[in-house]
C-alpha atoms as a PDB file:
ATOM      1  CA  MET A   1      81.097 108.544 -18.332  1.00  0.00           C
ATOM      2  CA  PRO A   2      83.137 109.962 -15.428  1.00  0.00           C
ATOM      3  CA  VAL A   3      83.137 108.407 -11.993  1.00  0.00           C
ATOM      4  CA  VAL A   4      83.040 110.928  -9.168  1.00  0.00           C
ATOM      5  CA  ASP A   5      84.516 110.418  -5.720  1.00  0.00           C
ATOM      6  CA  ARG A   6      82.345 112.982  -3.985  1.00  0.00           C
ATOM      7  CA  ALA A   7      84.176 112.756  -0.646  1.00  0.00           C
ATOM      8  CA  ALA A   8      87.496 113.672  -2.238  1.00  0.00           C
ATOM      9  CA  GLY A   9      86.083 115.809  -5.054  1.00  0.00           C
ATOM     10  CA  ARG A  10      87.940 113.749  -7.679  1.00  0.00           C
ATOM     11  CA  ARG A  11      86.779 112.585 -11.078  1.00  0.00           C
ATOM     12  CA  TRP A  12      87.977 109.546 -13.013  1.00  0.00           C
ATOM     13  CA  ARG A  13      87.060 108.384 -16.454  1.00  0.00           C
ATOM     14  CA  GLU A  14      85.693 104.835 -16.620  1.00  0.00           C
ATOM     15  CA  THR A  15      87.835 102.541 -18.752  1.00  0.00           C
ATOM     16  CA  ASP A  16      88.444  98.833 -19.074  1.00  0.00           C
ATOM     17  CA  GLN A  17      92.012  99.289 -17.879  1.00  0.00           C
ATOM     18  CA  VAL A  18      93.192  98.130 -14.490  1.00  0.00           C
ATOM     19  CA  THR A  19      94.258 101.067 -12.350  1.00  0.00           C
ATOM     20  CA  SER A  20      95.728 101.478  -8.923  1.00  0.00           C
ATOM     21  CA  SER A  21      93.569 101.067  -5.845  1.00  0.00           C
ATOM     22  CA  PRO A  22      91.039 103.795  -5.099  1.00  0.00           C
ATOM     23  CA  PRO A  23      92.097 106.355  -2.484  1.00  0.00           C
ATOM     24  CA  GLY A  24      91.884 104.982   1.035  1.00  0.00           C
ATOM     25  CA  GLN A  25      92.539 101.340   0.127  1.00  0.00           C
ATOM     26  CA  ARG A  26      95.898 100.047   1.256  1.00  0.00           C
ATOM     27  CA  GLY A  27      95.802  96.436   0.137  1.00  0.00           C
ATOM     28  CA  LEU A  28      93.769  94.152  -2.054  1.00  0.00           C
ATOM     29  CA  VAL A  29      92.892  90.524  -2.651  1.00  0.00           C
ATOM     30  CA  ARG A  30      91.620  89.272  -6.014  1.00  0.00           C
ATOM     31  CA  LEU A  31      91.111  86.093  -8.011  1.00  0.00           C
ATOM     32  CA  LEU A  32      92.577  86.225 -11.503  1.00  0.00           C
ATOM     33  CA  ASN A  33      92.738  83.823 -14.419  1.00  0.00           C
ATOM     34  CA  THR A  34      96.347  83.770 -15.614  1.00  0.00           C
ATOM     35  CA  ALA A  35      98.494  81.730 -17.996  1.00  0.00           C
ATOM     36  CA  ASP A  36      99.638  79.757 -14.931  1.00  0.00           C
ATOM     37  CA  GLY A  37      96.041  78.986 -13.901  1.00  0.00           C
ATOM     38  CA  ARG A  38      93.718  80.587 -11.400  1.00  0.00           C
ATOM     39  CA  ALA A  39      95.579  82.901  -9.027  1.00  0.00           C
ATOM     40  CA  LEU A  40      94.774  84.302  -5.617  1.00  0.00           C
ATOM     41  CA  CYS A  41      96.570  87.656  -5.689  1.00  0.00           C
ATOM     42  CA  LEU A  42      97.375  89.748  -2.635  1.00  0.00           C
ATOM     43  CA  ALA A  43      99.083  93.129  -2.800  1.00  0.00           C
ATOM     44  CA  GLY A  44     100.034  95.932  -0.453  1.00  0.00           C
ATOM     45  CA  ALA A  45      99.066  96.029   3.212  1.00  0.00           C
ATOM     46  CA  VAL A  46      96.244  93.476   3.235  1.00  0.00           C
ATOM     47  CA  ASP A  47      94.052  94.224   6.219  1.00  0.00           C
ATOM     48  CA  ALA A  48      90.795  92.694   7.462  1.00  0.00           C
ATOM     49  CA  GLU A  49      88.794  95.180   5.388  1.00  0.00           C
ATOM     50  CA  ALA A  50      90.463  93.988   2.165  1.00  0.00           C
ATOM     51  CA  VAL A  51      89.708  90.371   3.108  1.00  0.00           C
ATOM     52  CA  LEU A  52      86.086  91.225   3.848  1.00  0.00           C
ATOM     53  CA  ALA A  53      85.745  92.967   0.464  1.00  0.00           C
ATOM     54  CA  PHE A  54      87.203  89.850  -1.206  1.00  0.00           C
ATOM     55  CA  GLN A  55      84.768  87.582   0.649  1.00  0.00           C
ATOM     56  CA  ARG A  56      81.804  89.757  -0.297  1.00  0.00           C
ATOM     57  CA  ARG A  57      82.835  89.535  -3.938  1.00  0.00           C
ATOM     58  CA  TYR A  58      83.891  85.867  -4.187  1.00  0.00           C
ATOM     59  CA  GLY A  59      82.333  84.187  -1.144  1.00  0.00           C
ATOM     60  CA  ARG A  60      83.743  82.856   2.111  1.00  0.00           C
ATOM     61  CA  GLU A  61      84.717  79.357   0.954  1.00  0.00           C
ATOM     62  CA  PRO A  62      88.236  78.804  -0.388  1.00  0.00           C
ATOM     63  CA  VAL A  63      88.300  78.204  -4.141  1.00  0.00           C
ATOM     64  CA  ARG A  64      90.592  76.072  -6.252  1.00  0.00           C
ATOM     65  CA  VAL A  65      93.693  78.077  -7.120  1.00  0.00           C
ATOM     66  CA  ASP A  66      96.902  77.083  -8.867  1.00  0.00           C
ATOM     67  CA  VAL A  67      98.959  80.052  -7.709  1.00  0.00           C
ATOM     68  CA  ILE A  68      99.012  82.335  -4.693  1.00  0.00           C
ATOM     69  CA  ASP A  69     100.792  85.522  -5.691  1.00  0.00           C
ATOM     70  CA  ALA A  70     101.829  87.514  -2.635  1.00  0.00           C
ATOM     71  CA  GLY A  71     104.968  88.940  -4.225  1.00  0.00           C
ATOM     72  CA  SER A  72     104.010  92.536  -3.507  1.00  0.00           C
ATOM     73  CA  VAL A  73     102.561  92.117  -0.007  1.00  0.00           C
ATOM     74  CA  THR A  74     103.922  94.658   2.462  1.00  0.00           C
ATOM     75  CA  ALA A  75     101.805  93.631   5.489  1.00  0.00           C
ATOM     76  CA  LEU A  76      99.193  90.997   6.342  1.00  0.00           C
ATOM     77  CA  SER A  77      96.455  91.036   8.946  1.00  0.00           C
ATOM     78  CA  GLY A  78      95.471  87.886  10.793  1.00  0.00           C
ATOM     79  CA  ALA A  79      92.397  87.624   8.549  1.00  0.00           C
ATOM     80  CA  ALA A  80      94.579  87.788   5.425  1.00  0.00           C
ATOM     81  CA  LEU A  81      96.941  85.126   6.720  1.00  0.00           C
ATOM     82  CA  GLU A  82      93.948  82.922   7.570  1.00  0.00           C
ATOM     83  CA  LEU A  83      92.569  83.383   4.043  1.00  0.00           C
ATOM     84  CA  VAL A  84      95.865  82.228   2.523  1.00  0.00           C
ATOM     85  CA  ARG A  85      96.154  79.288   4.924  1.00  0.00           C
ATOM     86  CA  ASP A  86      92.576  78.210   4.128  1.00  0.00           C
ATOM     87  CA  HIS A  87      93.353  78.142   0.391  1.00  0.00           C
ATOM     88  CA  LEU A  88      96.583  76.207   1.000  1.00  0.00           C
ATOM     89  CA  ASP A  89      94.803  73.724   3.288  1.00  0.00           C
ATOM     90  CA  VAL A  90      92.029  73.045   0.760  1.00  0.00           C
ATOM     91  CA  ALA A  91      94.630  72.446  -1.959  1.00  0.00           C
ATOM     92  CA  ALA A  92      96.570  70.060   0.300  1.00  0.00           C
ATOM     93  CA  LEU A  93      93.394  68.133   1.179  1.00  0.00           C
ATOM     94  CA  GLY A  94      92.745  67.757  -2.550  1.00  0.00           C
ATOM     95  CA  GLY A  95      96.294  66.547  -3.173  1.00  0.00           C
ATOM     96  CA  ARG A  96      97.191  69.607  -5.249  1.00  0.00           C
ATOM     97  CA  ASP A  97     100.338  71.708  -5.139  1.00  0.00           C
ATOM     98  CA  VAL A  98      99.912  75.466  -5.230  1.00  0.00           C
ATOM     99  CA  ALA A  99     102.735  77.662  -6.500  1.00  0.00           C
ATOM    100  CA  LEU A 100     103.497  80.358  -3.942  1.00  0.00           C
ATOM    101  CA  ARG A 101     105.075  83.659  -4.938  1.00  0.00           C
ATOM    102  CA  ARG A 102     106.045  85.502  -1.805  1.00  0.00           C
ATOM    103  CA  SER A 103     107.458  88.832  -0.802  1.00  0.00           C
ATOM    104  CA  GLU A 104     110.036  88.951   1.975  1.00  0.00           C
ATOM    105  CA  VAL A 105     107.380  90.146   4.453  1.00  0.00           C
ATOM    106  CA  PHE A 106     104.937  87.428   3.415  1.00  0.00           C
ATOM    107  CA  GLY A 107     107.602  84.733   3.666  1.00  0.00           C
ATOM    108  CA  ARG A 108     108.477  85.783   7.215  1.00  0.00           C
ATOM    109  CA  LEU A 109     104.836  85.868   8.311  1.00  0.00           C
ATOM    110  CA  LEU A 110     104.115  82.471   6.795  1.00  0.00           C
ATOM    111  CA  ALA A 111     107.202  80.939   8.442  1.00  0.00           C
ATOM    112  CA  ASP A 112     106.209  82.369  11.852  1.00  0.00           C
ATOM    113  CA  THR A 113     102.859  80.564  11.899  1.00  0.00           C
END
């Protein structure tokens, strides 16, 4: 069954495959189950809207993650940085180490705070 983006007049076929972000979205935040454990994944220019969409989907409270993958982050809003810090803080309070995969941009932003 096709999915129609009426505003843009585009049609996509629904599949089970992961595709790129829909038009208009610049960044994303997701929780994924990986071979390395549960991962908080951030990609692209993660703005407050992407964080809000994540919180609507998964809730506002930080969850237990084993990995934070920000290897493809190109920009972070204050809300996105706060989300990452919250997850790192909860892990530290629980005595757990979280693997952190960072892009150059993400590494600079994290070091500046």
